[in-house]
Amino acid sequence: MGYTLKLILTIVFLLFLIPSQGQETEEYSQVIVGGDTGSEFGNPKRFEKWNVTQKADYQGVFHFGFSEGESMLFLVVDRDSCYAFIKYGEFINGGRGFQWHSISLSKIRVDGNKFFSDQTQGEFVMYDWGTRKSTGLIVHNPWKRNVETGISEFGFFISKLDGWFNGRYPFTSYRILTENELYQMTSSNLRIMRNEIYARQGYKFNPDGEMDIYFRKQNWYKPRFDNVDHSLTEIEKKNVQTISKIEKLNNGL
């Protein structure tokens, strides 16, 4: 991810650090439900169902945790299927670098206000702070390493998916592509589209090669890694396969 996402994360972090006058301090803390740590900040009586007219309204980005324990859950409702992946970062090389990681959830299903996956389950809710309400997702078995077993965590709904990904084809990171929409594209554009998925993760292309020259002209591109396969989500992997297939057809292979 590039400059846009880092800027948004910084803004979100600052908003959670600086309380506004008259607002409760709990609003700027990690919201835990159950266990000793959640006795104050996650009072179950403050939760109510978050109902929507269609499940696609739940699509978006959910912010969990605080400071170094932060992570984002990206939920995609695509036609009759749902996809979800978690993005979290960690400092590397003794704190001199920062690397993003992705965890793709499997068998995602949204039924009413309930969220299901193989890794975690939960429900879409509204949390009442007393002065206002926040929408979000409460998960009953969080993926965090620093959250004790048997408690739940609330993640704030912070935005739709638009604007979180850089490049000419940002949707390739949050929407499943179809072959039909790719047939009319040129081989050159298809190649850029496919490699842009890797570029967003900081992949280093062959020095002075076509893709290296192209992406170094993009102000969001930061080449850092020789391999970014661990950072690709299932959506991105599927799209790489689909784009590659159409590229081969265009080249008569």
Protein backbone atom coordinates (compact mmCIF):
# COMPACT_ATOMS: atom_id res chain seq x y z
CA MET A 1 0.00 0.00 0.00
CA GLY A 2 1.18 3.49 -0.78
CA TYR A 3 1.05 7.05 0.45
CA THR A 4 -2.77 7.32 0.49
CA LEU A 5 -3.26 4.43 2.92
CA LYS A 6 -0.43 5.57 5.18
CA LEU A 7 -1.97 9.04 5.37
CA ILE A 8 -5.41 7.64 6.24
CA LEU A 9 -3.93 5.35 8.89
CA THR A 10 -2.09 8.30 10.42
CA ILE A 11 -5.29 10.36 10.54
CA VAL A 12 -7.23 7.45 12.09
CA PHE A 13 -4.48 6.97 14.68
CA LEU A 14 -4.53 10.66 15.63
CA LEU A 15 -8.30 10.71 15.90
CA PHE A 16 -8.15 7.87 18.37
CA LEU A 17 -5.43 9.60 20.37
CA ILE A 18 -6.97 13.07 20.74
CA PRO A 19 -10.36 13.17 22.49
CA SER A 20 -12.69 16.04 21.65
CA GLN A 21 -14.29 18.08 24.40
CA GLY A 22 -17.37 16.44 25.88
CA GLN A 23 -16.73 12.97 24.37
CA GLU A 24 -16.11 9.89 26.46
CA THR A 25 -12.50 8.70 26.73
CA GLU A 26 -13.60 5.11 25.99
CA GLU A 27 -14.15 6.11 22.38
CA TYR A 28 -10.40 6.36 21.90
CA SER A 29 -9.56 2.98 23.40
CA GLN A 30 -9.60 -0.56 22.14
CA VAL A 31 -13.15 -1.86 22.64
CA ILE A 32 -13.00 -5.28 24.27
CA VAL A 33 -16.06 -7.27 25.34
CA GLY A 34 -15.78 -9.84 28.11
CA GLY A 35 -12.86 -10.62 30.39
CA ASP A 36 -11.30 -8.25 32.90
CA THR A 37 -10.07 -5.79 30.25
CA GLY A 38 -13.56 -5.31 28.84
CA SER A 39 -15.49 -4.62 32.02
CA GLU A 40 -15.60 -0.90 31.28
CA PHE A 41 -15.04 -0.27 27.58
CA GLY A 42 -17.16 -3.07 26.13
CA ASN A 43 -20.36 -3.09 28.13
CA PRO A 44 -22.65 -5.46 26.14
CA LYS A 45 -25.65 -3.30 27.07
CA ARG A 46 -24.28 -0.59 24.78
CA PHE A 47 -24.54 -2.77 21.67
CA GLU A 48 -27.51 -3.05 19.34
CA LYS A 49 -28.03 -4.55 15.88
CA TRP A 50 -26.78 -2.63 12.88
CA ASN A 51 -29.48 -3.32 10.29
CA VAL A 52 -29.09 -2.45 6.59
CA THR A 53 -31.33 -2.77 3.53
CA GLN A 54 -28.88 -5.02 1.66
CA LYS A 55 -25.77 -6.87 2.81
CA ALA A 56 -23.61 -4.92 0.34
CA ASP A 57 -24.07 -1.95 2.70
CA TYR A 58 -21.72 -3.70 5.14
CA GLN A 59 -18.90 -3.60 2.58
CA GLY A 60 -16.01 -1.45 3.69
CA VAL A 61 -13.07 -1.09 6.06
CA PHE A 62 -13.20 -1.88 9.78
CA HIS A 63 -10.56 -0.62 12.19
CA PHE A 64 -9.54 -2.81 15.13
CA GLY A 65 -7.15 -2.18 17.98
CA PHE A 66 -5.00 0.70 19.05
CA SER A 67 -1.45 1.91 18.41
CA GLU A 68 0.88 -1.03 17.59
CA GLY A 69 -2.02 -3.48 17.93
CA GLU A 70 -3.99 -1.92 15.07
CA SER A 71 -5.31 -3.85 12.09
CA MET A 72 -7.86 -3.36 9.33
CA LEU A 73 -10.49 -5.80 8.10
CA PHE A 74 -11.54 -5.24 4.48
CA LEU A 75 -14.93 -6.75 3.64
CA VAL A 76 -15.93 -7.19 0.00
CA VAL A 77 -19.45 -8.18 -1.00
CA ASP A 78 -19.07 -9.21 -4.63
CA ARG A 79 -22.22 -10.37 -6.45
CA ASP A 80 -23.21 -13.59 -4.65
CA SER A 81 -19.88 -14.02 -2.84
CA CYS A 82 -18.13 -12.35 0.06
CA TYR A 83 -14.43 -11.87 0.65
CA ALA A 84 -12.56 -10.54 3.65
CA PHE A 85 -8.92 -9.95 4.41
CA ILE A 86 -7.00 -8.44 7.29
CA LYS A 87 -4.13 -6.00 6.87
CA TYR A 88 -1.65 -5.42 9.67
CA GLY A 89 1.88 -4.07 9.76
CA GLU A 90 5.06 -4.66 11.69
CA PHE A 91 8.42 -3.00 11.97
CA ILE A 92 11.34 -4.91 10.44
CA ASN A 93 15.13 -4.55 10.26
CA GLY A 94 15.37 -3.28 13.81
CA GLY A 95 12.66 -0.69 13.32
CA ARG A 96 14.22 0.79 10.18
CA GLY A 97 11.49 -0.55 7.90
CA PHE A 98 7.78 -1.29 7.96
CA GLN A 99 6.07 -4.19 6.19
CA TRP A 100 2.39 -4.91 5.60
CA HIS A 101 0.95 -8.41 5.89
CA SER A 102 -2.36 -9.83 4.67
CA ILE A 103 -4.51 -12.58 6.14
CA SER A 104 -7.29 -13.80 3.87
CA LEU A 105 -10.34 -15.23 5.63
CA SER A 106 -12.09 -18.22 4.08
CA LYS A 107 -15.72 -19.22 3.58
CA ILE A 108 -17.07 -15.73 4.25
CA ARG A 109 -20.81 -15.43 4.69
CA VAL A 110 -23.09 -12.58 5.75
CA ASP A 111 -26.54 -13.60 7.00
CA GLY A 112 -28.64 -10.76 8.33
CA ASN A 113 -26.33 -8.87 10.67
CA LYS A 114 -24.22 -12.00 11.32
CA PHE A 115 -20.69 -12.46 9.96
CA PHE A 116 -19.21 -15.92 9.42
CA SER A 117 -15.81 -17.25 8.35
CA ASP A 118 -13.59 -20.23 9.13
CA GLN A 119 -11.29 -18.05 11.23
CA THR A 120 -13.69 -15.80 13.13
CA GLN A 121 -17.39 -15.07 13.54
CA GLY A 122 -19.26 -12.01 14.69
CA GLU A 123 -22.05 -9.57 14.05
CA PHE A 124 -22.56 -6.08 12.69
CA VAL A 125 -23.59 -3.79 15.51
CA MET A 126 -23.93 -0.21 16.68
CA TYR A 127 -22.08 0.89 19.82
CA ASP A 128 -23.67 3.59 21.97
CA TRP A 129 -21.10 5.98 23.47
CA GLY A 130 -23.81 7.98 25.19
CA THR A 131 -23.30 11.04 22.96
CA ARG A 132 -23.39 9.25 19.61
CA LYS A 133 -23.34 5.78 18.04
CA SER A 134 -20.63 4.04 16.03
CA THR A 135 -21.30 1.27 13.52
CA GLY A 136 -18.92 -1.63 13.23
CA LEU A 137 -18.24 -5.34 13.51
CA ILE A 138 -17.79 -7.25 16.73
CA VAL A 139 -15.77 -10.47 16.35
CA HIS A 140 -16.06 -13.18 18.96
CA ASN A 141 -12.65 -14.79 18.45
CA PRO A 142 -10.26 -12.01 17.40
CA TRP A 143 -7.13 -12.75 15.36
CA LYS A 144 -5.00 -10.54 17.59
CA ARG A 145 -2.14 -12.19 19.41
CA ASN A 146 -2.53 -9.77 22.33
CA VAL A 147 -6.21 -10.50 22.96
CA GLU A 148 -6.95 -13.18 25.52
CA THR A 149 -9.06 -16.22 24.68
CA GLY A 150 -12.79 -16.01 25.32
CA ILE A 151 -13.35 -12.32 24.67
CA SER A 152 -14.60 -10.31 21.71
CA GLU A 153 -13.42 -7.13 20.04
CA PHE A 154 -15.29 -4.31 18.30
CA GLY A 155 -13.96 -2.86 15.04
CA PHE A 156 -15.15 0.57 13.88
CA PHE A 157 -16.55 0.97 10.36
CA ILE A 158 -14.35 3.79 9.07
CA SER A 159 -15.00 4.02 5.31
CA LYS A 160 -16.00 2.38 2.07
CA LEU A 161 -13.31 0.67 0.01
CA ASP A 162 -12.83 3.52 -2.45
CA GLY A 163 -9.66 5.50 -1.89
CA TRP A 164 -7.68 2.85 -0.01
CA PHE A 165 -5.65 1.58 -2.97
CA ASN A 166 -3.30 3.44 -5.30
CA GLY A 167 -2.82 3.16 -9.04
CA ARG A 168 -4.73 3.29 -12.29
CA TYR A 169 -6.66 0.12 -11.46
CA PRO A 170 -7.22 0.21 -7.67
CA PHE A 171 -10.31 -1.99 -7.90
CA THR A 172 -8.16 -5.02 -8.72
CA SER A 173 -7.42 -5.21 -4.99
CA TYR A 174 -11.02 -5.22 -3.80
CA ARG A 175 -13.21 -6.54 -6.62
CA ILE A 176 -13.20 -9.84 -8.49
CA LEU A 177 -12.63 -9.21 -12.20
CA THR A 178 -14.51 -11.01 -14.95
CA GLU A 179 -12.99 -12.18 -18.20
CA ASN A 180 -15.57 -10.26 -20.23
CA GLU A 181 -14.47 -6.88 -18.89
CA LEU A 182 -10.84 -7.61 -19.83
CA TYR A 183 -11.27 -8.79 -23.43
CA GLN A 184 -11.29 -5.27 -24.90
CA MET A 185 -8.17 -4.13 -23.06
CA THR A 186 -4.81 -3.88 -24.80
CA SER A 187 -1.99 -6.24 -23.87
CA SER A 188 -0.01 -3.26 -22.56
CA ASN A 189 -2.79 -2.15 -20.21
CA LEU A 190 -3.38 -5.70 -19.02
CA ARG A 191 0.28 -6.01 -18.14
CA ILE A 192 0.20 -2.77 -16.17
CA MET A 193 -3.00 -3.85 -14.42
CA ARG A 194 -1.50 -7.19 -13.36
CA ASN A 195 1.83 -5.77 -12.21
CA GLU A 196 0.14 -2.89 -10.40
CA ILE A 197 -1.18 -5.45 -7.91
CA TYR A 198 2.41 -6.36 -7.05
CA ALA A 199 3.60 -2.75 -7.15
CA ARG A 200 1.10 -1.73 -4.47
CA GLN A 201 2.77 -4.22 -2.14
CA GLY A 202 6.23 -2.77 -2.80
CA TYR A 203 7.52 -5.38 -5.24
CA LYS A 204 10.91 -4.62 -6.83
CA PHE A 205 10.82 -5.14 -10.59
CA ASN A 206 13.85 -5.89 -12.76
CA PRO A 207 16.05 -2.78 -12.67
CA ASP A 208 15.52 -0.55 -15.72
CA GLY A 209 12.92 -2.95 -17.09
CA GLU A 210 9.62 -1.76 -18.58
CA MET A 211 7.65 -2.18 -15.35
CA ASP A 212 10.43 -0.72 -13.21
CA ILE A 213 10.58 2.39 -15.39
CA TYR A 214 6.79 2.75 -15.47
CA PHE A 215 6.14 2.37 -11.74
CA ARG A 216 9.06 4.52 -10.63
CA LYS A 217 7.20 7.38 -12.30
CA GLN A 218 4.25 6.83 -9.93
CA ASN A 219 4.63 8.89 -6.76
CA TRP A 220 2.98 6.21 -4.62
CA TYR A 221 5.32 3.37 -5.65
CA LYS A 222 7.90 2.32 -3.04
CA PRO A 223 10.04 -0.67 -4.18
CA ARG A 224 11.15 -2.62 -1.12
CA PHE A 225 10.68 -6.38 -1.49
CA ASP A 226 11.90 -9.13 -3.80
CA ASN A 227 8.82 -11.24 -3.05
CA VAL A 228 5.36 -10.04 -1.97
CA ASP A 229 3.37 -13.26 -2.38
CA HIS A 230 2.70 -13.33 1.37
CA SER A 231 1.01 -9.91 1.12
CA LEU A 232 -1.39 -10.71 -1.71
CA THR A 233 -5.01 -11.36 -0.79
CA GLU A 234 -7.19 -14.05 -2.33
CA ILE A 235 -8.94 -11.37 -4.40
CA GLU A 236 -5.62 -10.16 -5.78
CA LYS A 237 -4.43 -13.69 -6.52
CA LYS A 238 -7.65 -14.50 -8.38
CA ASN A 239 -7.36 -11.30 -10.41
CA VAL A 240 -3.73 -12.00 -11.32
CA GLN A 241 -4.81 -15.40 -12.66
CA THR A 242 -7.70 -13.93 -14.67
CA ILE A 243 -5.59 -11.14 -16.16
CA SER A 244 -2.81 -13.60 -17.05
CA LYS A 245 -5.31 -15.84 -18.81
CA ILE A 246 -6.57 -12.99 -21.02
CA GLU A 247 -2.99 -11.89 -21.71
CA LYS A 248 -2.18 -15.36 -23.01
CA LEU A 249 -5.27 -15.39 -25.19
CA ASN A 250 -4.34 -11.99 -26.65
CA ASN A 251 -0.86 -13.31 -27.41
CA GLY A 252 -2.23 -16.47 -29.03
CA LEU A 253 -0.79 -18.79 -26.38
